[in-house]
Amino acid sequence: MRAERLTVTIPPELIQSIDRLERNRSKFIQEAIRHELERRRREELYRSLRHPHPETQELAELGFEAWAAGLSEDSGDALVDPDAGTEVRWSPEKGWREVDE
């Protein structure tokens, strides 16, 4: 993987704490960044699950197993219609919003 150089200002006491745990500062900081990005992705997913899009509210309340049990075997082709619905995006500040065209 290609790496890029980044300059970051860190207080000396934080650097000392890193150095006590890891010889390779870059490796430590990369792992910390990956961990934080994953934490934020999970947080956004949980926020989305707590505030589902109105078009999926019924499914969220019903539960996946109950919904899937109600499907007939030949309904698989009709589950997804790429031309139906409204394109939306999740915003942490505003919730689900229609995509501006």
Protein backbone atom coordinates (compact mmCIF):
# COMPACT_ATOMS: atom_id res chain seq x y z
CA MET A 1 0.00 0.00 0.00
CA ARG A 2 1.26 3.45 -0.90
CA ALA A 3 1.76 5.72 2.10
CA GLU A 4 1.58 9.49 2.29
CA ARG A 5 3.38 11.69 4.75
CA LEU A 6 1.31 13.77 7.16
CA THR A 7 2.47 16.33 9.69
CA VAL A 8 0.55 16.30 12.95
CA THR A 9 1.22 18.34 16.08
CA ILE A 10 0.97 16.26 19.25
CA PRO A 11 1.65 17.39 22.84
CA PRO A 12 4.93 15.98 24.27
CA GLU A 13 3.20 14.09 27.09
CA LEU A 14 1.06 12.24 24.56
CA ILE A 15 4.14 11.31 22.54
CA GLN A 16 5.80 10.01 25.70
CA SER A 17 2.74 7.87 26.42
CA ILE A 18 2.86 6.45 22.89
CA ASP A 19 6.59 5.76 23.17
CA ARG A 20 6.05 3.80 26.39
CA LEU A 21 3.68 1.45 24.56
CA GLU A 22 5.02 1.27 21.01
CA ARG A 23 8.39 1.78 19.35
CA ASN A 24 6.83 2.53 15.96
CA ARG A 25 4.84 5.75 16.38
CA SER A 26 3.46 5.61 12.84
CA LYS A 27 2.10 2.12 13.38
CA PHE A 28 0.50 3.13 16.67
CA ILE A 29 -1.12 6.23 15.17
CA GLN A 30 -2.38 4.26 12.14
CA GLU A 31 -3.99 1.69 14.44
CA ALA A 32 -5.54 4.45 16.56
CA ILE A 33 -6.97 6.16 13.48
CA ARG A 34 -8.39 2.89 12.12
CA HIS A 35 -9.94 2.16 15.50
CA GLU A 36 -11.52 5.63 15.68
CA LEU A 37 -12.86 5.46 12.12
CA GLU A 38 -14.45 2.08 12.83
CA ARG A 39 -15.95 3.43 16.08
CA ARG A 40 -17.49 6.35 14.19
CA ARG A 41 -18.88 4.06 11.47
CA ARG A 42 -20.52 1.89 14.14
CA GLU A 43 -21.87 5.01 15.86
CA GLU A 44 -23.44 6.19 12.57
CA LEU A 45 -24.94 2.74 11.99
CA TYR A 46 -26.45 2.70 15.50
CA ARG A 47 -27.80 6.23 14.97
CA SER A 48 -29.34 5.11 11.67
CA LEU A 49 -30.90 2.07 13.34
CA ARG A 50 -32.37 4.23 16.14
CA HIS A 51 -33.85 6.61 13.54
CA PRO A 52 -34.69 4.48 10.50
CA HIS A 53 -35.78 6.03 7.24
CA PRO A 54 -39.57 6.45 7.15
CA GLU A 55 -39.89 4.03 4.22
CA THR A 56 -38.25 1.28 6.32
CA GLN A 57 -39.93 2.09 9.66
CA GLU A 58 -42.51 -0.70 9.30
CA LEU A 59 -39.79 -3.25 8.52
CA ALA A 60 -37.72 -2.01 11.47
CA GLU A 61 -40.69 -2.39 13.83
CA LEU A 62 -41.69 -5.78 12.42
CA GLY A 63 -38.22 -7.29 12.59
CA PHE A 64 -36.32 -8.96 9.79
CA GLU A 65 -37.26 -12.54 10.61
CA ALA A 66 -41.00 -11.81 10.64
CA TRP A 67 -40.71 -9.82 7.42
CA ALA A 68 -38.67 -12.53 5.66
CA ALA A 69 -41.07 -15.25 6.85
CA GLY A 70 -43.92 -13.41 5.10
CA LEU A 71 -42.22 -13.54 1.70
CA SER A 72 -43.30 -16.13 -0.83
CA GLU A 73 -40.59 -18.15 -2.54
CA ASP A 74 -41.20 -16.52 -5.92
CA SER A 75 -41.16 -12.95 -4.55
CA GLY A 76 -37.35 -12.74 -4.75
CA ASP A 77 -37.42 -11.09 -8.17
CA ALA A 78 -39.74 -8.35 -6.95
CA LEU A 79 -37.79 -7.46 -3.81
CA VAL A 80 -35.64 -4.81 -5.42
CA ASP A 81 -36.82 -2.35 -8.02
CA PRO A 82 -33.90 -0.01 -8.79
CA ASP A 83 -36.27 2.53 -10.37
CA ALA A 84 -38.59 2.77 -7.36
CA GLY A 85 -38.29 4.94 -4.28
CA THR A 86 -36.39 8.11 -3.56
CA GLU A 87 -32.60 8.30 -3.20
CA VAL A 88 -31.66 9.43 0.30
CA ARG A 89 -28.50 9.96 2.35
CA TRP A 90 -27.96 9.94 6.12
CA SER A 91 -26.65 13.11 7.74
CA PRO A 92 -25.66 13.00 11.43
CA GLU A 93 -26.97 16.54 11.84
CA LYS A 94 -30.25 16.22 9.93
CA GLY A 95 -31.03 12.49 9.71
CA TRP A 96 -32.28 10.99 6.44
CA ARG A 97 -32.59 13.53 3.60
CA GLU A 98 -33.45 13.25 -0.08
CA VAL A 99 -30.46 13.53 -2.40
CA ASP A 100 -30.49 16.81 -4.32
CA GLU A 101 -30.24 16.24 -8.02
